[in-house]
Protein backbone atom coordinates (compact mmCIF):
# COMPACT_ATOMS: atom_id res chain seq x y z
CA UNK A 1 26.13 244.69 -6.96
CA UNK A 2 29.33 244.00 -5.00
CA UNK A 3 30.17 240.52 -3.90
CA UNK A 4 29.91 240.02 -0.17
CA UNK A 5 33.57 239.06 0.42
CA UNK A 6 34.71 242.45 -0.92
CA UNK A 7 33.18 244.16 2.12
CA UNK A 8 35.43 242.50 4.72
CA UNK A 9 38.87 243.60 5.82
CA UNK A 10 41.34 240.74 6.33
CA UNK A 11 44.15 241.63 8.76
CA UNK A 12 47.73 241.25 7.55
CA UNK A 13 50.76 240.23 9.62
CA UNK A 14 54.21 241.45 8.57
CA UNK A 15 57.17 239.34 9.70
CA UNK A 16 60.70 240.68 9.69
CA UNK A 17 63.18 238.07 8.50
CA UNK A 18 66.95 238.13 8.03
CA UNK A 19 66.57 238.90 4.31
CA UNK A 20 63.59 241.27 4.46
CA UNK A 21 59.92 241.31 5.35
CA UNK A 22 57.09 238.98 4.47
CA UNK A 23 53.36 239.69 4.68
CA UNK A 24 50.75 237.04 5.50
CA UNK A 25 47.01 237.29 5.81
CA UNK A 26 46.08 236.41 9.40
CA UNK A 27 44.59 233.02 8.46
CA UNK A 28 47.74 231.88 6.64
CA UNK A 29 49.90 233.04 9.54
CA UNK A 30 47.87 231.11 12.10
CA UNK A 31 47.90 228.01 9.89
CA UNK A 32 51.70 228.31 9.58
CA UNK A 33 51.88 228.01 13.37
CA UNK A 34 49.33 225.17 13.26
CA UNK A 35 46.79 227.22 15.20
CA UNK A 36 43.29 226.34 14.03
CA UNK A 37 39.75 226.97 15.26
CA UNK A 38 37.01 224.45 14.58
CA UNK A 39 33.55 225.93 15.04
CA UNK A 40 31.52 222.80 14.42
CA UNK A 41 31.56 219.04 14.58
CA UNK A 42 33.94 217.02 12.44
CA UNK A 43 32.15 214.12 10.79
């Protein structure tokens, strides 16, 4: 049986930099820009 996380596609962002390209998964890229989403209470 496959694990559940293997069934999801995680988008990738490719940034062009002066010395080449760098790929980030979408969550790492948003965190780099300090963009977060909190779906529940913080206790």
